[in-house]
Protein backbone atom coordinates (compact mmCIF):
# COMPACT_ATOMS: atom_id res chain seq x y z
CA MET A 1 6.73 -28.28 -17.65
CA LYS A 2 6.43 -29.70 -13.88
CA LYS A 3 4.85 -28.20 -10.74
CA GLU A 4 6.75 -27.18 -8.62
CA LYS A 5 5.03 -25.87 -4.86
CA PHE A 6 6.25 -23.76 -2.11
CA SER A 7 4.69 -22.34 1.13
CA VAL A 8 5.43 -20.33 3.70
CA VAL A 9 3.14 -20.41 7.18
CA ILE A 10 2.54 -16.16 8.03
CA LYS A 11 0.79 -15.25 11.41
CA ALA A 12 -0.95 -12.40 9.91
CA SER A 13 -4.88 -12.39 8.25
CA ALA A 14 -5.35 -12.84 4.89
CA LYS A 15 -6.32 -10.25 3.94
CA LYS A 16 -2.87 -8.24 5.02
CA VAL A 17 -1.49 -11.18 3.67
CA TRP A 18 -3.26 -10.73 -0.12
CA GLN A 19 -2.44 -6.86 0.48
CA VAL A 20 1.19 -7.55 0.45
CA LEU A 21 1.39 -9.61 -2.15
CA TRP A 22 -0.51 -7.19 -4.83
CA SER A 23 -0.07 -3.66 -4.04
CA ASP A 24 2.46 -2.25 -5.58
CA SER A 25 4.82 -1.13 -2.90
CA THR A 26 4.71 -4.12 -1.68
CA TYR A 27 4.72 -6.22 -4.39
CA ARG A 28 7.96 -4.75 -5.54
CA GLN A 29 10.07 -5.53 -2.11
CA TRP A 30 9.30 -9.47 -2.35
CA SER A 31 9.53 -9.51 -6.01
CA SER A 32 13.03 -8.22 -5.93
CA ALA A 33 14.37 -11.48 -4.86
CA PHE A 34 14.11 -12.59 -8.27
CA TYR A 35 14.87 -8.92 -10.55
CA GLU A 36 15.94 -6.16 -8.42
CA GLY A 37 13.84 -3.33 -9.33
CA SER A 38 11.20 -5.60 -11.13
CA TYR A 39 6.91 -4.87 -10.37
CA ALA A 40 4.02 -5.31 -12.34
CA ILE A 41 1.69 -3.36 -14.65
CA SER A 42 -2.05 -4.26 -14.10
CA ASP A 43 -5.20 -3.61 -12.72
CA TRP A 44 -5.44 -6.91 -10.83
CA LYS A 45 -8.95 -8.22 -11.96
CA GLN A 46 -10.46 -11.53 -13.02
CA GLY A 47 -9.25 -11.81 -17.07
CA SER A 48 -6.95 -8.85 -16.78
CA LYS A 49 -4.14 -8.37 -18.60
CA ILE A 50 -0.97 -8.26 -16.48
CA GLN A 51 2.61 -7.50 -17.12
CA PHE A 52 5.37 -8.91 -15.09
CA VAL A 53 8.88 -6.24 -15.71
CA GLY A 54 12.36 -5.44 -14.83
CA PRO A 55 13.86 -2.62 -14.84
CA ASN A 56 15.04 -2.53 -19.02
CA GLY A 57 11.69 -3.07 -20.04
CA ASP A 58 12.14 -7.30 -20.16
CA GLY A 59 9.77 -9.55 -18.12
CA MET A 60 6.78 -11.63 -18.87
CA PHE A 61 3.07 -11.09 -19.74
CA ALA A 62 0.25 -12.80 -19.00
CA ILE A 63 -3.59 -12.98 -18.46
CA ILE A 64 -5.48 -13.45 -14.50
CA SER A 65 -7.21 -16.52 -14.83
CA GLU A 66 -8.49 -16.39 -11.64
CA SER A 67 -8.69 -13.13 -8.77
CA LYS A 68 -10.95 -14.30 -5.66
CA PRO A 69 -9.94 -11.61 -2.92
CA PHE A 70 -8.13 -13.06 0.18
CA GLU A 71 -8.34 -16.29 -1.43
CA ARG A 72 -6.78 -17.13 -5.01
CA MET A 73 -5.01 -15.68 -7.58
CA ALA A 74 -4.15 -17.60 -10.54
CA PHE A 75 -1.68 -16.31 -13.75
CA SER A 76 -1.92 -17.89 -17.34
CA HIS A 77 1.32 -16.96 -18.57
CA GLN A 78 1.24 -15.80 -22.52
CA GLY A 79 4.51 -14.99 -23.72
CA GLU A 80 7.92 -12.65 -23.18
CA LEU A 81 8.32 -9.00 -23.15
CA LYS A 82 11.24 -7.01 -24.58
CA ASN A 83 11.68 -3.91 -24.42
CA PHE A 84 7.80 -2.62 -22.81
CA LYS A 85 7.08 -4.51 -25.55
CA GLU A 86 5.09 -7.95 -25.74
CA GLN A 87 6.98 -10.36 -28.29
CA PRO A 88 5.62 -12.65 -30.58
CA GLN A 89 6.59 -16.28 -30.08
CA LYS A 90 9.62 -18.12 -31.20
CA GLU A 91 11.49 -21.40 -30.79
CA GLY A 92 11.90 -21.86 -27.05
CA SER A 93 9.55 -19.35 -25.55
CA GLU A 94 5.88 -21.26 -26.35
CA ASN A 95 7.47 -23.47 -23.72
CA TRP A 96 6.01 -20.96 -21.30
CA SER A 97 2.26 -20.26 -22.71
CA GLY A 98 -0.21 -21.36 -21.26
CA ALA A 99 2.45 -21.67 -17.84
CA GLN A 100 -0.05 -21.56 -14.47
CA GLU A 101 1.26 -19.56 -11.85
CA ILE A 102 -1.12 -20.16 -8.24
CA TYR A 103 -1.27 -18.02 -4.91
CA THR A 104 -3.22 -19.33 -2.40
CA LEU A 105 -4.52 -18.33 0.54
CA THR A 106 -6.11 -20.46 3.38
CA GLU A 107 -6.80 -18.75 7.32
CA SER A 108 -7.62 -20.17 10.55
CA ASN A 109 -7.28 -18.18 13.44
CA GLY A 110 -5.74 -15.23 12.09
CA THR A 111 -2.47 -17.43 10.70
CA THR A 112 -2.75 -17.56 6.99
CA THR A 113 -0.90 -20.79 4.72
CA LEU A 114 0.81 -19.02 1.61
CA GLU A 115 0.86 -21.64 -1.21
CA VAL A 116 2.30 -21.09 -4.41
CA THR A 117 2.42 -23.76 -7.21
CA ILE A 118 4.06 -22.79 -10.25
CA ASP A 119 4.51 -24.96 -13.84
CA VAL A 120 8.20 -24.08 -14.85
CA THR A 121 10.42 -26.60 -17.51
CA ASP A 122 14.04 -28.36 -16.31
CA GLU A 123 15.51 -25.21 -16.98
CA PHE A 124 14.39 -23.13 -14.34
CA THR A 125 13.66 -25.60 -11.38
CA LYS A 126 16.62 -24.60 -10.00
CA TYR A 127 15.88 -21.64 -10.14
CA PHE A 128 13.68 -21.43 -8.42
CA SER A 129 13.48 -23.59 -6.03
CA GLU A 130 16.51 -21.45 -4.69
CA VAL A 131 14.72 -18.04 -5.49
CA PHE A 132 10.77 -18.78 -4.42
CA PRO A 133 11.44 -19.37 -0.73
CA LYS A 134 13.84 -16.36 -0.41
CA ALA A 135 10.86 -14.27 -2.09
CA LEU A 136 7.70 -15.79 0.04
CA GLN A 137 10.17 -14.94 3.48
CA ILE A 138 9.94 -11.95 2.39
CA VAL A 139 6.19 -11.45 2.17
CA LYS A 140 6.46 -12.79 6.00
CA GLU A 141 8.35 -10.39 6.75
CA LEU A 142 5.97 -7.69 5.33
CA ALA A 143 2.65 -8.89 6.46
CA GLU A 144 3.42 -9.90 9.89
CA LYS A 145 4.37 -6.11 10.52
CA PRO A 146 2.58 -3.00 10.10
CA VAL A 147 3.07 -1.63 6.68
CA VAL A 148 3.91 1.95 7.34
CA ILE A 149 3.11 4.66 4.55
CA THR A 150 4.89 7.57 4.88
CA ILE A 151 2.99 11.33 2.77
CA GLU A 152 4.86 14.79 3.11
CA THR A 153 4.78 18.20 2.00
CA GLU A 154 6.14 21.43 2.07
CA VAL A 155 4.31 24.35 3.56
CA LYS A 156 5.71 28.11 2.99
CA ALA A 157 4.53 29.77 6.19
CA PRO A 158 5.56 30.24 9.51
CA ILE A 159 6.01 27.27 11.74
CA GLU A 160 3.04 29.01 14.49
CA LYS A 161 0.79 29.72 11.15
CA ILE A 162 1.20 25.68 10.51
CA TRP A 163 0.72 24.46 14.03
CA GLU A 164 -2.52 26.72 14.76
CA HIS A 165 -4.28 25.78 11.13
CA TRP A 166 -3.42 21.97 12.13
CA ASN A 167 -4.53 22.02 15.71
CA GLU A 168 -7.62 24.19 15.77
CA PRO A 169 -10.86 22.69 15.25
CA ALA A 170 -11.94 26.44 12.99
CA HIS A 171 -9.13 25.38 10.85
CA ILE A 172 -9.36 21.50 10.65
CA VAL A 173 -13.27 21.93 9.59
CA LYS A 174 -11.45 23.97 6.56
CA TRP A 175 -8.74 20.82 5.05
CA ALA A 176 -9.47 17.67 6.48
CA THR A 177 -11.33 16.10 3.43
CA ALA A 178 -9.82 13.88 0.86
CA SER A 179 -11.79 14.92 -2.02
CA ASP A 180 -14.36 17.71 -2.99
CA ASP A 181 -17.40 15.72 -2.72
CA TRP A 182 -16.29 15.17 1.00
CA HIS A 183 -16.37 17.62 4.44
CA THR A 184 -15.30 17.63 7.61
CA THR A 185 -18.46 19.16 9.83
CA LYS A 186 -17.38 19.37 13.23
CA ALA A 187 -13.87 19.07 15.34
CA THR A 188 -12.79 18.25 18.49
CA ASN A 189 -9.57 18.47 19.89
CA ASP A 190 -7.29 18.23 23.40
CA LEU A 191 -4.01 18.77 22.53
CA LYS A 192 -1.45 16.89 24.70
CA PRO A 193 -0.46 13.05 25.89
CA GLY A 194 -3.81 11.62 26.48
CA GLY A 195 -5.88 13.94 24.92
CA GLN A 196 -8.19 12.80 22.71
CA PHE A 197 -9.19 14.54 18.85
CA THR A 198 -11.63 13.85 16.27
CA SER A 199 -13.31 14.75 13.37
CA ARG A 200 -16.45 14.04 11.42
CA MET A 201 -16.25 13.50 8.11
CA GLU A 202 -19.46 13.28 5.75
CA ALA A 203 -20.41 13.05 2.03
CA LYS A 204 -21.65 16.55 1.05
CA ASP A 205 -25.08 14.64 -0.19
CA GLY A 206 -25.59 13.03 2.89
CA SER A 207 -25.06 9.15 1.88
CA MET A 208 -22.76 8.59 4.45
CA GLY A 209 -20.03 10.01 7.44
CA PHE A 210 -17.69 9.05 9.83
CA ASP A 211 -16.15 9.92 12.85
CA PHE A 212 -12.16 9.77 12.44
CA GLY A 213 -10.51 10.03 16.03
CA GLY A 214 -7.62 9.05 18.25
CA THR A 215 -5.66 9.16 21.30
CA TYR A 216 -2.19 11.10 21.49
CA THR A 217 0.86 9.77 22.30
CA THR A 218 3.48 12.26 22.05
CA VAL A 219 2.64 16.03 21.60
CA ASP A 220 5.67 18.50 21.30
CA PRO A 221 4.50 21.74 20.00
CA MET A 222 5.68 22.91 16.39
CA LYS A 223 7.80 19.88 15.73
CA LYS A 224 5.68 16.48 16.34
CA ILE A 225 3.13 14.86 16.73
CA ALA A 226 1.97 10.92 17.36
CA TYR A 227 -1.23 8.91 18.26
CA LYS A 228 -2.59 6.17 17.93
CA MET A 229 -6.23 5.53 16.04
CA GLY A 230 -8.83 4.24 17.22
CA ASP A 231 -8.31 0.74 15.93
CA GLY A 232 -4.70 0.85 17.36
CA ARG A 233 -2.72 2.29 14.44
CA LYS A 234 -0.13 4.42 15.02
CA VAL A 235 0.64 8.19 13.18
CA ASN A 236 3.49 9.95 13.62
CA ILE A 237 4.19 13.81 11.80
CA ASP A 238 7.03 15.84 11.76
CA PHE A 239 7.32 19.04 11.25
CA ILE A 240 10.79 20.17 10.04
CA SER A 241 12.52 23.49 9.36
CA GLN A 242 13.62 23.65 5.49
CA GLY A 243 14.66 27.15 4.83
CA ASN A 244 11.65 29.70 5.07
CA ALA A 245 9.17 26.74 4.77
CA TYR A 246 8.62 23.81 6.75
CA ARG A 247 8.45 20.09 5.36
CA ILE A 248 5.60 17.88 6.81
CA VAL A 249 6.39 14.43 7.07
CA GLU A 250 3.65 12.11 8.15
CA LYS A 251 3.79 8.24 9.06
CA PHE A 252 0.82 6.33 9.18
CA GLU A 253 0.41 1.90 9.41
CA ALA A 254 -1.55 0.86 7.07
CA GLU A 255 -5.17 -1.01 7.31
CA GLU A 256 -5.91 -4.16 5.31
CA GLU A 257 -9.53 -3.35 3.90
CA ASN A 258 -7.70 -0.94 0.95
CA PRO A 259 -4.85 -1.39 -1.04
CA ILE A 260 -1.87 0.91 -0.04
CA GLU A 261 -1.82 2.80 -3.04
CA MET A 262 -5.68 3.92 -1.72
CA GLN A 263 -4.76 5.23 1.47
CA GLN A 264 -1.72 6.34 0.29
CA GLY A 265 -3.82 8.96 -2.14
CA GLY A 266 -6.25 9.73 0.35
CA TRP A 267 -4.19 10.68 2.97
CA GLN A 268 -1.69 12.76 0.76
CA ALA A 269 -4.75 14.74 -0.87
CA MET A 270 -5.79 15.62 2.90
CA LEU A 271 -2.18 16.80 3.57
CA ASN A 272 -2.34 18.99 0.28
CA ASN A 273 -5.90 20.12 1.09
CA PHE A 274 -3.84 21.68 4.45
CA LYS A 275 -0.80 23.05 2.01
CA LYS A 276 -3.56 25.34 0.12
CA ASN A 277 -5.02 26.10 3.23
CA VAL A 278 -2.14 27.04 4.76
CA GLU A 279 -0.76 28.91 2.22
CA ASN A 280 -3.63 30.63 0.86
CA ASN A 281 -5.28 31.88 3.80
């Protein structure tokens, strides 16, 4: 077993690189360099187990020996998976037991150096020397551009009703929430290019709240809306005819603070609320 090192310089914050590395959707993209369709199962917490799984159920399992957000992630490999099941050690596989795989992120002036150190056997040295740089190049490409999340739903209602419920403040306050313990207390909407909108979102117990808003860049009545949020991230919403229903497809640029899956779940929950509000009222 010997150590191999790989590195890449990325024009993005360490938070963004960390998000790309360990969010499920982006992890699947860069890890495809090793095996198409591979993914990881874990809560990503220090001390937890992680399984690196291929589409056929084969792979490796490890322990997360260190997880320091935005700085360092380390895995201590334990053994192999076969058909989604952890295998007892056998001759040859013990070589991987305890092998370390460490990701270190160092940020300076908005640029992050990602370095990977991995223990490998002579048998796999050539393979990793060819594949790891390809994987890190995918990480770089993903991190240096916005991560776009897509959510959608189908609403069985006339487009005139859908458009009204989406844009009228009296309706917005009824559906613009991601969970039952939050509500939108006030909304304003100047629906035109250059116009602004805002919604006041608050926890029902009064413990916290925030203003969500943006500026419209495109308004194509009953077809398309586009806007920029206060932090500059872009959102596009398309209203697409589907027979006696309309499919609403919303694409938004992810922020860096929270996992992609958390953001996707919150925005999808709000879109689901919109569907129920339109169809039930």
